[in-house]
N, C-alpha and C. Protein backbone atom coordinates (compact mmCIF):
# COMPACT_ATOMS: atom_id res chain seq x y z
N MET A 1 41.72 28.85 70.14
CA MET A 1 40.87 29.04 68.99
C MET A 1 41.08 27.86 68.04
N LYS A 2 40.00 27.29 67.59
CA LYS A 2 40.07 26.14 66.73
C LYS A 2 39.65 26.53 65.31
N PHE A 3 40.47 26.14 64.27
CA PHE A 3 40.15 26.44 62.88
C PHE A 3 39.67 25.18 62.18
N LYS A 4 38.66 25.35 61.34
CA LYS A 4 38.17 24.22 60.55
C LYS A 4 39.01 24.09 59.29
N SER A 5 39.25 22.88 58.92
CA SER A 5 40.00 22.62 57.69
C SER A 5 39.06 22.69 56.49
N HIS A 6 39.50 23.37 55.44
CA HIS A 6 38.71 23.48 54.22
C HIS A 6 39.27 22.58 53.14
N GLN A 7 40.17 21.70 53.51
CA GLN A 7 40.77 20.81 52.51
C GLN A 7 39.72 19.89 51.88
N SER A 8 38.66 19.59 52.56
CA SER A 8 37.64 18.71 51.99
C SER A 8 36.91 19.37 50.82
N HIS A 9 37.02 20.69 50.69
CA HIS A 9 36.37 21.41 49.60
C HIS A 9 37.26 21.53 48.37
N ILE A 10 38.53 21.21 48.50
CA ILE A 10 39.47 21.38 47.39
C ILE A 10 39.07 20.55 46.16
N PRO A 11 38.68 19.29 46.28
CA PRO A 11 38.29 18.54 45.06
C PRO A 11 37.12 19.19 44.33
N TYR A 12 36.14 19.70 45.06
CA TYR A 12 34.99 20.35 44.43
C TYR A 12 35.40 21.64 43.75
N LEU A 13 36.21 22.42 44.39
CA LEU A 13 36.69 23.67 43.82
C LEU A 13 37.51 23.40 42.57
N SER A 14 38.37 22.42 42.61
CA SER A 14 39.18 22.07 41.44
C SER A 14 38.30 21.66 40.27
N PHE A 15 37.27 20.89 40.55
CA PHE A 15 36.35 20.45 39.50
C PHE A 15 35.71 21.66 38.81
N PHE A 16 35.21 22.61 39.58
CA PHE A 16 34.55 23.77 39.00
C PHE A 16 35.52 24.67 38.27
N ILE A 17 36.73 24.81 38.74
CA ILE A 17 37.73 25.61 38.04
C ILE A 17 38.05 24.98 36.69
N LEU A 18 38.16 23.67 36.63
CA LEU A 18 38.42 22.99 35.37
C LEU A 18 37.21 23.02 34.44
N LEU A 19 36.01 23.10 34.98
CA LEU A 19 34.80 23.09 34.19
C LEU A 19 34.50 24.44 33.53
N ILE A 20 34.94 25.52 34.10
CA ILE A 20 34.64 26.86 33.58
C ILE A 20 35.04 27.01 32.12
N PRO A 21 36.28 26.69 31.70
CA PRO A 21 36.61 26.84 30.28
C PRO A 21 35.74 25.97 29.37
N VAL A 22 35.36 24.81 29.82
CA VAL A 22 34.51 23.94 29.02
C VAL A 22 33.15 24.59 28.81
N LEU A 23 32.60 25.16 29.84
CA LEU A 23 31.31 25.82 29.73
C LEU A 23 31.37 27.05 28.84
N ILE A 24 32.46 27.77 28.91
CA ILE A 24 32.60 28.99 28.11
C ILE A 24 32.82 28.66 26.64
N PHE A 25 33.69 27.71 26.34
CA PHE A 25 34.10 27.46 24.97
C PHE A 25 33.33 26.34 24.27
N ALA A 26 32.59 25.53 24.99
CA ALA A 26 31.94 24.38 24.38
C ALA A 26 30.53 24.70 23.86
N ALA A 27 29.95 25.78 24.30
CA ALA A 27 28.59 26.11 23.88
C ALA A 27 28.57 26.48 22.40
N PRO A 28 27.73 25.79 21.62
CA PRO A 28 27.65 26.14 20.20
C PRO A 28 27.07 27.54 20.01
N VAL A 29 27.51 28.17 18.97
CA VAL A 29 27.07 29.52 18.62
C VAL A 29 26.28 29.44 17.32
N THR A 30 25.21 30.22 17.21
CA THR A 30 24.47 30.31 15.95
C THR A 30 24.94 31.57 15.23
N HIS A 31 25.44 31.39 14.01
CA HIS A 31 25.90 32.49 13.16
C HIS A 31 24.83 32.72 12.10
N VAL A 32 24.39 33.96 11.95
CA VAL A 32 23.34 34.29 10.99
C VAL A 32 23.96 34.91 9.75
N ILE A 33 23.59 34.37 8.59
CA ILE A 33 23.97 34.93 7.29
C ILE A 33 22.68 35.38 6.63
N LYS A 34 22.56 36.67 6.40
CA LYS A 34 21.37 37.21 5.74
C LYS A 34 21.66 37.36 4.26
N PHE A 35 20.62 37.20 3.45
CA PHE A 35 20.82 37.40 2.02
C PHE A 35 19.60 38.06 1.40
N GLY A 36 19.87 38.74 0.32
CA GLY A 36 18.87 39.45 -0.45
C GLY A 36 19.60 40.20 -1.54
N GLY A 37 18.86 40.67 -2.54
CA GLY A 37 19.55 41.29 -3.66
C GLY A 37 20.44 40.25 -4.30
N ARG A 38 21.74 40.49 -4.30
CA ARG A 38 22.69 39.55 -4.89
C ARG A 38 23.89 39.31 -3.98
N LYS A 39 23.64 39.28 -2.63
CA LYS A 39 24.80 39.08 -1.75
C LYS A 39 24.40 38.40 -0.45
N TYR A 40 25.40 37.78 0.17
CA TYR A 40 25.30 37.22 1.51
C TYR A 40 26.04 38.13 2.47
N THR A 41 25.48 38.35 3.65
CA THR A 41 26.12 39.19 4.65
C THR A 41 26.12 38.46 5.98
N PRO A 42 27.28 38.15 6.52
CA PRO A 42 28.63 38.36 5.98
C PRO A 42 28.94 37.33 4.89
N LYS A 43 29.90 37.65 4.06
CA LYS A 43 30.29 36.78 2.95
C LYS A 43 31.22 35.66 3.42
N THR A 44 32.00 35.91 4.46
CA THR A 44 32.90 34.89 5.01
C THR A 44 32.75 34.84 6.53
N LEU A 45 33.00 33.68 7.09
CA LEU A 45 32.91 33.47 8.53
C LEU A 45 33.98 32.48 8.97
N THR A 46 34.37 32.60 10.21
CA THR A 46 35.17 31.56 10.86
C THR A 46 34.34 31.07 12.03
N VAL A 47 34.13 29.76 12.10
CA VAL A 47 33.26 29.16 13.11
C VAL A 47 33.99 27.99 13.77
N ASN A 48 33.36 27.42 14.76
CA ASN A 48 33.89 26.23 15.42
C ASN A 48 33.03 25.03 15.06
N VAL A 49 33.62 23.86 15.05
CA VAL A 49 32.85 22.64 14.88
C VAL A 49 31.81 22.60 15.99
N GLY A 50 30.58 22.29 15.64
CA GLY A 50 29.47 22.29 16.59
C GLY A 50 28.60 23.53 16.48
N ASP A 51 29.14 24.60 15.90
CA ASP A 51 28.34 25.81 15.71
C ASP A 51 27.26 25.57 14.65
N VAL A 52 26.27 26.45 14.66
CA VAL A 52 25.17 26.39 13.71
C VAL A 52 25.25 27.62 12.82
N ILE A 53 25.05 27.41 11.52
CA ILE A 53 24.96 28.53 10.58
C ILE A 53 23.52 28.60 10.12
N GLU A 54 22.94 29.78 10.21
CA GLU A 54 21.56 29.98 9.77
C GLU A 54 21.52 31.02 8.67
N TRP A 55 21.07 30.62 7.50
CA TRP A 55 20.86 31.54 6.40
C TRP A 55 19.43 32.05 6.50
N GLN A 56 19.26 33.38 6.35
CA GLN A 56 17.94 34.00 6.44
C GLN A 56 17.69 34.83 5.20
N GLY A 57 16.59 34.56 4.54
CA GLY A 57 16.19 35.30 3.34
C GLY A 57 15.10 34.53 2.63
N ASP A 58 14.83 34.88 1.38
CA ASP A 58 13.77 34.23 0.61
C ASP A 58 14.38 33.20 -0.33
N PHE A 59 14.27 31.92 0.05
CA PHE A 59 14.87 30.86 -0.76
C PHE A 59 14.14 30.63 -2.07
N SER A 60 12.91 31.12 -2.21
CA SER A 60 12.23 30.96 -3.50
C SER A 60 12.88 31.82 -4.57
N GLU A 61 13.60 32.86 -4.16
CA GLU A 61 14.32 33.71 -5.12
C GLU A 61 15.81 33.38 -5.20
N HIS A 62 16.35 32.74 -4.16
CA HIS A 62 17.79 32.47 -4.08
C HIS A 62 18.02 31.06 -3.53
N THR A 63 18.07 30.08 -4.42
CA THR A 63 18.32 28.71 -3.96
C THR A 63 19.75 28.59 -3.44
N LEU A 64 19.94 27.77 -2.44
CA LEU A 64 21.22 27.65 -1.75
C LEU A 64 21.77 26.24 -1.88
N SER A 65 23.05 26.14 -2.26
CA SER A 65 23.72 24.84 -2.34
C SER A 65 25.12 24.94 -1.75
N LEU A 66 25.50 23.88 -1.07
CA LEU A 66 26.87 23.75 -0.57
C LEU A 66 27.68 23.08 -1.67
N ILE A 67 28.68 23.78 -2.20
CA ILE A 67 29.44 23.32 -3.35
C ILE A 67 30.71 22.59 -2.92
N LYS A 68 31.35 23.09 -1.89
CA LYS A 68 32.59 22.47 -1.43
C LYS A 68 32.53 22.33 0.09
N ALA A 69 32.96 21.15 0.57
CA ALA A 69 32.99 20.89 2.01
C ALA A 69 34.07 19.85 2.29
N PRO A 70 34.58 19.81 3.50
CA PRO A 70 35.58 18.80 3.84
C PRO A 70 34.99 17.38 3.74
N ALA A 71 35.85 16.42 3.52
CA ALA A 71 35.42 15.02 3.46
C ALA A 71 34.69 14.64 4.74
N GLY A 72 33.54 14.00 4.57
CA GLY A 72 32.76 13.55 5.72
C GLY A 72 31.73 14.54 6.22
N ALA A 73 31.76 15.77 5.70
CA ALA A 73 30.79 16.78 6.14
C ALA A 73 29.45 16.57 5.44
N PRO A 74 28.33 16.73 6.15
CA PRO A 74 27.03 16.66 5.50
C PRO A 74 26.91 17.78 4.47
N THR A 75 26.21 17.52 3.38
CA THR A 75 26.03 18.54 2.35
C THR A 75 24.55 18.87 2.19
N PHE A 76 24.26 19.92 1.41
CA PHE A 76 22.89 20.27 1.07
C PHE A 76 22.91 20.87 -0.32
N LYS A 77 21.76 20.80 -0.99
CA LYS A 77 21.69 21.29 -2.36
C LYS A 77 20.28 21.77 -2.66
N ASN A 78 20.20 22.86 -3.41
CA ASN A 78 18.93 23.39 -3.91
C ASN A 78 17.89 23.65 -2.83
N ILE A 79 18.32 24.28 -1.73
CA ILE A 79 17.35 24.72 -0.72
C ILE A 79 16.55 25.84 -1.37
N ASP A 80 15.25 25.61 -1.59
CA ASP A 80 14.47 26.59 -2.36
C ASP A 80 13.12 26.93 -1.72
N LYS A 81 12.95 26.57 -0.46
CA LYS A 81 11.69 26.88 0.22
C LYS A 81 11.97 27.46 1.60
N GLY A 82 11.09 28.35 2.02
CA GLY A 82 11.19 28.90 3.37
C GLY A 82 11.99 30.19 3.44
N ARG A 83 12.19 30.65 4.69
CA ARG A 83 12.89 31.91 4.93
C ARG A 83 14.14 31.72 5.77
N SER A 84 14.40 30.49 6.24
CA SER A 84 15.64 30.24 6.96
C SER A 84 16.03 28.76 6.82
N PHE A 85 17.31 28.53 6.94
CA PHE A 85 17.86 27.17 6.85
C PHE A 85 19.03 27.09 7.81
N GLN A 86 19.07 26.04 8.62
CA GLN A 86 20.16 25.87 9.59
C GLN A 86 21.02 24.67 9.23
N TYR A 87 22.31 24.84 9.44
CA TYR A 87 23.30 23.80 9.17
C TYR A 87 24.24 23.72 10.37
N THR A 88 24.34 22.53 10.95
CA THR A 88 25.27 22.33 12.07
C THR A 88 26.60 21.85 11.51
N VAL A 89 27.67 22.54 11.84
CA VAL A 89 29.00 22.22 11.35
C VAL A 89 29.53 21.02 12.12
N LYS A 90 29.88 19.96 11.39
CA LYS A 90 30.32 18.72 12.03
C LYS A 90 31.79 18.39 11.78
N VAL A 91 32.39 19.02 10.75
CA VAL A 91 33.76 18.69 10.35
C VAL A 91 34.55 19.98 10.16
N ALA A 92 35.78 20.01 10.67
CA ALA A 92 36.65 21.18 10.48
C ALA A 92 37.09 21.27 9.02
N GLY A 93 37.26 22.52 8.55
CA GLY A 93 37.74 22.73 7.19
C GLY A 93 37.06 23.90 6.51
N TYR A 94 37.25 23.96 5.19
CA TYR A 94 36.74 25.05 4.35
C TYR A 94 35.44 24.64 3.66
N TYR A 95 34.44 25.53 3.69
CA TYR A 95 33.14 25.31 3.06
C TYR A 95 32.85 26.46 2.09
N TYR A 96 32.29 26.13 0.95
CA TYR A 96 31.91 27.14 -0.04
C TYR A 96 30.47 26.89 -0.46
N TYR A 97 29.65 27.93 -0.45
CA TYR A 97 28.23 27.81 -0.82
C TYR A 97 27.88 28.89 -1.83
N GLN A 98 26.74 28.70 -2.50
CA GLN A 98 26.35 29.69 -3.50
C GLN A 98 24.83 29.72 -3.68
N CYS A 99 24.37 30.83 -4.25
CA CYS A 99 23.02 30.91 -4.76
C CYS A 99 23.10 30.33 -6.17
N ASP A 100 22.36 29.26 -6.41
CA ASP A 100 22.45 28.59 -7.71
C ASP A 100 22.03 29.49 -8.87
N ASP A 101 21.14 30.41 -8.61
CA ASP A 101 20.61 31.27 -9.67
C ASP A 101 21.47 32.50 -9.94
N HIS A 102 22.27 32.92 -8.96
CA HIS A 102 22.98 34.20 -9.10
C HIS A 102 24.48 34.12 -8.80
N VAL A 103 25.05 32.93 -8.83
CA VAL A 103 26.48 32.80 -8.55
C VAL A 103 27.31 33.58 -9.57
N ASP A 104 26.84 33.66 -10.82
CA ASP A 104 27.59 34.41 -11.85
C ASP A 104 27.57 35.91 -11.57
N GLU A 105 26.73 36.35 -10.63
CA GLU A 105 26.69 37.75 -10.23
C GLU A 105 27.39 37.96 -8.89
N GLY A 106 28.11 36.94 -8.43
CA GLY A 106 28.88 37.06 -7.21
C GLY A 106 28.16 36.68 -5.94
N MET A 107 27.04 35.99 -6.07
CA MET A 107 26.29 35.61 -4.87
C MET A 107 26.78 34.25 -4.38
N ASP A 108 27.84 34.33 -3.61
CA ASP A 108 28.44 33.13 -3.01
C ASP A 108 29.10 33.52 -1.70
N GLY A 109 29.52 32.53 -0.94
CA GLY A 109 30.17 32.82 0.34
C GLY A 109 30.89 31.59 0.84
N SER A 110 31.56 31.76 1.95
CA SER A 110 32.32 30.64 2.51
C SER A 110 32.44 30.78 4.03
N PHE A 111 32.77 29.65 4.64
CA PHE A 111 33.12 29.67 6.05
C PHE A 111 34.17 28.62 6.30
N THR A 112 34.97 28.88 7.31
CA THR A 112 36.00 27.96 7.73
C THR A 112 35.69 27.53 9.15
N ALA A 113 35.68 26.22 9.35
CA ALA A 113 35.42 25.67 10.68
C ALA A 113 36.72 25.16 11.28
N LYS A 114 36.95 25.50 12.56
CA LYS A 114 38.17 25.02 13.21
C LYS A 114 37.82 24.13 14.38
C-alpha cells in the first residue's frame, strides 16, 4: 500500500492558520451612538483604531463637536446638518465630544481607542 505525502500542503495550511486571527480582529467595526432629548446612547465606548463611530440623530437640534482628541487625530466641529455623521478612528487614545447647545445639560460623551 502506497501513501501520498501531504507535506506539500503544510505551507498553505500554515498560511491560513496565521491569517485567521488577522481576518477576525482586523475588520473595522461600526459603532452607533444615537442621540435625542439631552443624551447620547451609549455615553462611553471602547473601540479599536480603524473602527468607525456613527452618530445618529437630528444635528439641526444638536450640533456635534469633538473637544478633546489625541495628538494627530482628525477633529470635527459644529456638525449641524443631516441625520448621521461618521468618524473613522485613526489614533489610539481618549476622545471627548459634546452637543454644543446642550453640554451644560450633560449632553456629552467619550470613547477610548486602543
